[in-house]
């Protein structure tokens, strides 16, 4: 049996964007993460993924680099989640709420799904 562990709306500041001006100052980004893994064998944290460790890894990646593309940021995080945790798949959506498109918009986003092969 498998379970889906989710973290929705994790807000972290970062310096990401296609334009240099977007990377000059911190701006908020929202992360939605879904991890598919085996159902825990027992009702103990050691048998699953610790949400705090997932959030810490995302903070580490977002804070240590500047990404031009949301797609690259989401892909880097998804790959790192597969590398660090015993999950079968990781889906990461990165939302950018402060985006200038010349028209009203709630956010832009990119999602990446990576699977263990």
N, C-alpha and C. Protein backbone atom coordinates (compact mmCIF):
# COMPACT_ATOMS: atom_id res chain seq x y z
N UNK A 1 0.84 -1.17 0.00
CA UNK A 1 0.00 0.00 0.00
C UNK A 1 0.89 1.25 0.00
N UNK A 2 0.44 2.26 -0.69
CA UNK A 2 1.19 3.52 -0.73
C UNK A 2 0.36 4.64 -0.12
N UNK A 3 1.05 5.66 0.33
CA UNK A 3 0.40 6.87 0.86
C UNK A 3 0.96 8.08 0.14
N UNK A 4 0.21 9.15 0.18
CA UNK A 4 0.63 10.42 -0.39
C UNK A 4 0.78 11.41 0.75
N UNK A 5 1.99 11.88 0.97
CA UNK A 5 2.29 12.86 2.00
C UNK A 5 2.38 14.21 1.31
N UNK A 6 1.67 15.21 1.82
CA UNK A 6 1.62 16.50 1.16
C UNK A 6 1.98 17.65 2.10
N UNK A 7 2.63 18.63 1.54
CA UNK A 7 2.86 19.91 2.21
C UNK A 7 2.35 20.96 1.22
N UNK A 8 1.43 21.80 1.67
CA UNK A 8 0.82 22.78 0.77
C UNK A 8 1.04 24.20 1.28
N UNK A 9 1.48 25.06 0.37
CA UNK A 9 1.60 26.47 0.69
C UNK A 9 2.77 26.84 1.58
N UNK A 10 3.84 26.04 1.53
CA UNK A 10 5.05 26.39 2.29
C UNK A 10 5.62 27.67 1.70
N UNK A 11 5.70 28.72 2.49
CA UNK A 11 6.17 30.01 1.98
C UNK A 11 7.60 30.27 2.41
N UNK A 12 8.45 30.51 1.42
CA UNK A 12 9.85 30.86 1.65
C UNK A 12 10.22 32.02 0.73
N UNK A 13 11.13 32.82 1.16
CA UNK A 13 11.61 33.90 0.31
C UNK A 13 12.83 33.43 -0.48
N UNK A 14 12.96 33.95 -1.69
CA UNK A 14 14.08 33.59 -2.53
C UNK A 14 14.37 34.67 -3.56
N UNK A 15 15.46 34.47 -4.27
CA UNK A 15 15.87 35.39 -5.33
C UNK A 15 15.83 34.64 -6.65
N UNK A 16 14.64 34.44 -7.15
CA UNK A 16 14.44 33.67 -8.37
C UNK A 16 13.64 34.48 -9.37
N UNK A 17 14.00 34.36 -10.64
CA UNK A 17 13.26 35.04 -11.70
C UNK A 17 14.10 35.13 -12.95
N UNK A 18 13.43 35.25 -14.08
CA UNK A 18 14.11 35.32 -15.37
C UNK A 18 14.87 36.63 -15.55
N UNK A 19 14.37 37.69 -14.92
CA UNK A 19 15.01 39.00 -15.06
C UNK A 19 15.93 39.28 -13.89
N UNK A 20 17.03 39.95 -14.16
CA UNK A 20 17.98 40.29 -13.10
C UNK A 20 17.31 41.09 -11.99
N UNK A 21 16.42 42.00 -12.35
CA UNK A 21 15.72 42.82 -11.35
C UNK A 21 14.91 41.97 -10.39
N UNK A 22 14.39 40.82 -10.87
CA UNK A 22 13.62 39.91 -10.00
C UNK A 22 14.51 39.23 -8.97
N UNK A 23 15.77 39.08 -9.29
CA UNK A 23 16.71 38.38 -8.40
C UNK A 23 17.44 39.32 -7.46
N UNK A 24 17.22 40.62 -7.58
CA UNK A 24 17.93 41.59 -6.76
C UNK A 24 17.44 41.64 -5.31
N UNK A 25 16.19 41.32 -5.09
CA UNK A 25 15.67 41.35 -3.72
C UNK A 25 14.83 40.10 -3.46
N UNK A 26 14.69 39.80 -2.19
CA UNK A 26 13.91 38.63 -1.79
C UNK A 26 12.44 38.83 -2.13
N UNK A 27 11.80 37.77 -2.57
CA UNK A 27 10.37 37.79 -2.83
C UNK A 27 9.78 36.45 -2.40
N UNK A 28 8.49 36.39 -2.10
CA UNK A 28 7.90 35.14 -1.62
C UNK A 28 7.66 34.14 -2.75
N UNK A 29 7.83 32.87 -2.40
CA UNK A 29 7.50 31.75 -3.27
C UNK A 29 6.73 30.74 -2.42
N UNK A 30 5.75 30.10 -3.03
CA UNK A 30 4.95 29.10 -2.34
C UNK A 30 5.24 27.73 -2.94
N UNK A 31 5.44 26.75 -2.07
CA UNK A 31 5.81 25.40 -2.49
C UNK A 31 4.71 24.43 -2.08
N UNK A 32 4.29 23.62 -3.04
CA UNK A 32 3.35 22.53 -2.80
C UNK A 32 4.08 21.24 -3.16
N UNK A 33 4.13 20.31 -2.22
CA UNK A 33 4.91 19.10 -2.41
C UNK A 33 4.02 17.89 -2.14
N UNK A 34 4.12 16.88 -3.00
CA UNK A 34 3.42 15.61 -2.80
C UNK A 34 4.45 14.50 -2.94
N UNK A 35 4.55 13.68 -1.91
CA UNK A 35 5.50 12.57 -1.89
C UNK A 35 4.74 11.25 -1.78
N UNK A 36 5.01 10.35 -2.70
CA UNK A 36 4.37 9.04 -2.67
C UNK A 36 5.38 8.05 -2.08
N UNK A 37 4.94 7.31 -1.07
CA UNK A 37 5.83 6.36 -0.41
C UNK A 37 5.02 5.20 0.15
N UNK A 38 5.74 4.17 0.59
CA UNK A 38 5.09 3.02 1.19
C UNK A 38 4.40 3.42 2.48
N UNK A 39 3.26 2.82 2.73
CA UNK A 39 2.55 3.07 3.98
C UNK A 39 3.45 2.66 5.14
N UNK A 40 3.52 3.48 6.19
CA UNK A 40 4.39 3.16 7.32
C UNK A 40 4.05 1.80 7.94
N UNK A 41 5.09 1.07 8.31
CA UNK A 41 4.91 -0.24 8.93
C UNK A 41 4.41 -0.12 10.36
N UNK A 42 4.66 1.02 10.98
CA UNK A 42 4.23 1.26 12.35
C UNK A 42 3.91 2.74 12.50
N UNK A 43 3.19 3.08 13.55
CA UNK A 43 2.78 4.45 13.81
C UNK A 43 3.90 5.21 14.51
N UNK A 44 5.04 5.31 13.81
CA UNK A 44 6.21 6.00 14.34
C UNK A 44 6.84 6.82 13.23
N UNK A 45 7.35 7.99 13.60
CA UNK A 45 7.91 8.93 12.63
C UNK A 45 9.06 8.32 11.82
N UNK A 46 9.83 7.44 12.41
CA UNK A 46 10.98 6.86 11.70
C UNK A 46 10.56 6.00 10.51
N UNK A 47 9.26 5.70 10.41
CA UNK A 47 8.78 4.86 9.31
C UNK A 47 8.16 5.66 8.17
N UNK A 48 8.35 6.97 8.19
CA UNK A 48 7.78 7.81 7.14
C UNK A 48 8.72 8.98 6.88
N UNK A 49 8.22 10.02 6.26
CA UNK A 49 9.01 11.21 5.94
C UNK A 49 8.65 12.30 6.95
N UNK A 50 9.66 12.91 7.53
CA UNK A 50 9.46 13.99 8.50
C UNK A 50 9.26 15.29 7.73
N UNK A 51 8.09 15.91 7.89
CA UNK A 51 7.77 17.15 7.16
C UNK A 51 8.80 18.24 7.43
N UNK A 52 9.32 18.27 8.64
CA UNK A 52 10.31 19.30 8.99
C UNK A 52 11.57 19.15 8.15
N UNK A 53 11.99 17.92 7.91
CA UNK A 53 13.18 17.68 7.09
C UNK A 53 12.93 18.05 5.62
N UNK A 54 11.72 17.80 5.15
CA UNK A 54 11.36 18.18 3.77
C UNK A 54 11.41 19.70 3.64
N UNK A 55 10.79 20.40 4.58
CA UNK A 55 10.78 21.87 4.55
C UNK A 55 12.20 22.42 4.65
N UNK A 56 13.02 21.81 5.46
CA UNK A 56 14.41 22.25 5.62
C UNK A 56 15.19 22.09 4.32
N UNK A 57 14.98 20.99 3.61
CA UNK A 57 15.66 20.77 2.34
C UNK A 57 15.23 21.81 1.31
N UNK A 58 13.95 22.10 1.25
CA UNK A 58 13.45 23.11 0.31
C UNK A 58 14.04 24.48 0.64
N UNK A 59 14.07 24.82 1.92
CA UNK A 59 14.66 26.10 2.35
C UNK A 59 16.14 26.15 1.96
N UNK A 60 16.85 25.07 2.16
CA UNK A 60 18.28 25.01 1.83
C UNK A 60 18.51 25.26 0.33
N UNK A 61 17.73 24.61 -0.52
CA UNK A 61 17.91 24.76 -1.97
C UNK A 61 17.50 26.16 -2.42
N UNK A 62 16.35 26.63 -1.97
CA UNK A 62 15.87 27.95 -2.38
C UNK A 62 16.81 29.05 -1.91
N UNK A 63 17.39 28.90 -0.73
CA UNK A 63 18.24 29.94 -0.18
C UNK A 63 19.68 29.92 -0.66
N UNK A 64 20.10 28.82 -1.25
CA UNK A 64 21.51 28.70 -1.62
C UNK A 64 21.80 29.04 -3.08
N UNK A 65 20.75 29.16 -3.89
CA UNK A 65 20.94 29.43 -5.32
C UNK A 65 19.91 30.41 -5.82
N UNK A 66 20.22 31.03 -6.93
CA UNK A 66 19.25 31.86 -7.66
C UNK A 66 18.88 31.11 -8.93
N UNK A 67 17.59 30.89 -9.11
CA UNK A 67 17.10 30.19 -10.29
C UNK A 67 16.44 31.20 -11.22
N UNK A 68 16.67 31.04 -12.51
CA UNK A 68 16.03 31.89 -13.50
C UNK A 68 14.62 31.39 -13.80
N UNK A 69 14.44 30.07 -13.76
CA UNK A 69 13.16 29.45 -14.13
C UNK A 69 12.54 28.72 -12.95
N UNK A 70 11.23 28.88 -12.78
CA UNK A 70 10.52 28.11 -11.77
C UNK A 70 10.62 26.61 -12.07
N UNK A 71 10.66 26.27 -13.34
CA UNK A 71 10.78 24.88 -13.75
C UNK A 71 12.07 24.25 -13.22
N UNK A 72 13.17 25.01 -13.30
CA UNK A 72 14.46 24.52 -12.81
C UNK A 72 14.45 24.39 -11.29
N UNK A 73 13.86 25.34 -10.62
CA UNK A 73 13.76 25.30 -9.16
C UNK A 73 12.95 24.09 -8.72
N UNK A 74 11.78 23.88 -9.32
CA UNK A 74 10.93 22.74 -8.97
C UNK A 74 11.63 21.42 -9.27
N UNK A 75 12.31 21.33 -10.40
CA UNK A 75 13.01 20.10 -10.76
C UNK A 75 14.16 19.78 -9.84
N UNK A 76 14.91 20.79 -9.45
CA UNK A 76 16.02 20.59 -8.52
C UNK A 76 15.51 20.08 -7.18
N UNK A 77 14.43 20.66 -6.70
CA UNK A 77 13.87 20.23 -5.42
C UNK A 77 13.31 18.81 -5.53
N UNK A 78 12.59 18.51 -6.59
CA UNK A 78 12.03 17.16 -6.76
C UNK A 78 13.14 16.11 -6.79
N UNK A 79 14.21 16.39 -7.52
CA UNK A 79 15.33 15.46 -7.57
C UNK A 79 16.00 15.27 -6.22
N UNK A 80 16.16 16.35 -5.48
CA UNK A 80 16.78 16.28 -4.16
C UNK A 80 15.91 15.49 -3.18
N UNK A 81 14.59 15.64 -3.29
CA UNK A 81 13.69 14.88 -2.43
C UNK A 81 13.82 13.38 -2.69
N UNK A 82 13.92 13.00 -3.96
CA UNK A 82 14.13 11.59 -4.29
C UNK A 82 15.46 11.08 -3.77
N UNK A 83 16.49 11.92 -3.84
CA UNK A 83 17.82 11.51 -3.38
C UNK A 83 17.87 11.35 -1.87
N UNK A 84 17.16 12.19 -1.14
CA UNK A 84 17.31 12.22 0.32
C UNK A 84 16.31 11.34 1.07
N UNK A 85 15.13 11.12 0.51
CA UNK A 85 14.08 10.42 1.25
C UNK A 85 13.65 9.14 0.53
N UNK A 86 13.15 8.16 1.27
CA UNK A 86 12.72 6.89 0.67
C UNK A 86 11.31 7.00 0.08
N UNK A 87 11.20 7.79 -0.98
CA UNK A 87 9.91 8.01 -1.64
C UNK A 87 9.96 7.44 -3.05
N UNK A 88 8.79 7.05 -3.56
CA UNK A 88 8.69 6.52 -4.92
C UNK A 88 8.58 7.63 -5.95
N UNK A 89 7.95 8.76 -5.54
CA UNK A 89 7.84 9.89 -6.45
C UNK A 89 7.74 11.18 -5.64
N UNK A 90 8.12 12.26 -6.29
CA UNK A 90 8.03 13.59 -5.68
C UNK A 90 7.48 14.54 -6.73
N UNK A 91 6.41 15.24 -6.38
CA UNK A 91 5.85 16.26 -7.23
C UNK A 91 5.99 17.59 -6.50
N UNK A 92 6.58 18.56 -7.18
CA UNK A 92 6.83 19.87 -6.58
C UNK A 92 6.23 20.93 -7.48
N UNK A 93 5.40 21.78 -6.89
CA UNK A 93 4.87 22.94 -7.60
C UNK A 93 5.40 24.18 -6.89
N UNK A 94 5.98 25.08 -7.68
CA UNK A 94 6.46 26.35 -7.15
C UNK A 94 5.57 27.44 -7.71
N UNK A 95 4.99 28.23 -6.79
CA UNK A 95 4.13 29.34 -7.20
C UNK A 95 4.81 30.66 -6.86
N UNK A 96 4.69 31.60 -7.79
CA UNK A 96 5.27 32.93 -7.62
C UNK A 96 4.11 33.93 -7.61
N UNK A 97 3.72 34.43 -6.42
CA UNK A 97 2.56 35.29 -6.34
C UNK A 97 2.80 36.73 -6.80
N UNK A 98 4.01 37.21 -6.75
CA UNK A 98 4.30 38.60 -7.13
C UNK A 98 4.95 38.61 -8.51
N UNK A 99 4.12 38.56 -9.52
CA UNK A 99 4.63 38.52 -10.89
C UNK A 99 3.95 39.63 -11.69
N UNK A 100 4.71 40.29 -12.51
CA UNK A 100 4.21 41.38 -13.34
C UNK A 100 4.00 40.89 -14.77
N UNK A 101 2.74 40.79 -15.17
CA UNK A 101 2.41 40.36 -16.52
C UNK A 101 1.67 41.44 -17.30
N UNK A 102 1.42 42.57 -16.66
CA UNK A 102 0.66 43.62 -17.32
C UNK A 102 -0.84 43.40 -17.24
N UNK A 103 -1.25 42.29 -16.65
CA UNK A 103 -2.66 41.95 -16.45
C UNK A 103 -2.80 41.36 -15.04
N UNK A 104 -3.98 41.43 -14.46
CA UNK A 104 -4.17 40.83 -13.13
C UNK A 104 -3.95 39.32 -13.16
N UNK A 105 -3.21 38.83 -12.18
CA UNK A 105 -2.95 37.39 -12.08
C UNK A 105 -2.65 37.06 -10.61
N UNK A 106 -3.14 35.91 -10.15
CA UNK A 106 -2.89 35.50 -8.76
C UNK A 106 -1.44 35.03 -8.58
N UNK A 107 -0.96 34.24 -9.53
CA UNK A 107 0.41 33.73 -9.46
C UNK A 107 0.75 33.03 -10.76
N UNK A 108 2.04 32.79 -10.95
CA UNK A 108 2.49 31.87 -11.99
C UNK A 108 3.06 30.66 -11.27
N UNK A 109 3.17 29.54 -11.96
CA UNK A 109 3.63 28.32 -11.31
C UNK A 109 4.26 27.36 -12.31
N UNK A 110 5.07 26.48 -11.78
CA UNK A 110 5.62 25.37 -12.56
C UNK A 110 5.62 24.14 -11.66
N UNK A 111 5.28 23.00 -12.23
CA UNK A 111 5.25 21.74 -11.49
C UNK A 111 6.14 20.72 -12.17
N UNK A 112 6.83 19.94 -11.35
CA UNK A 112 7.68 18.87 -11.86
C UNK A 112 7.41 17.61 -11.03
N UNK A 113 7.29 16.48 -11.71
CA UNK A 113 7.14 15.19 -11.04
C UNK A 113 8.33 14.33 -11.40
N UNK A 114 8.96 13.77 -10.40
CA UNK A 114 10.08 12.85 -10.61
C UNK A 114 9.74 11.52 -9.93
N UNK A 115 10.10 10.44 -10.59
CA UNK A 115 9.83 9.10 -10.06
C UNK A 115 11.11 8.30 -9.96
N UNK A 116 11.14 7.43 -8.99
CA UNK A 116 12.25 6.50 -8.86
C UNK A 116 12.08 5.43 -9.94
N UNK A 117 13.12 5.10 -10.60
CA UNK A 117 13.02 4.09 -11.69
C UNK A 117 13.64 2.79 -11.30
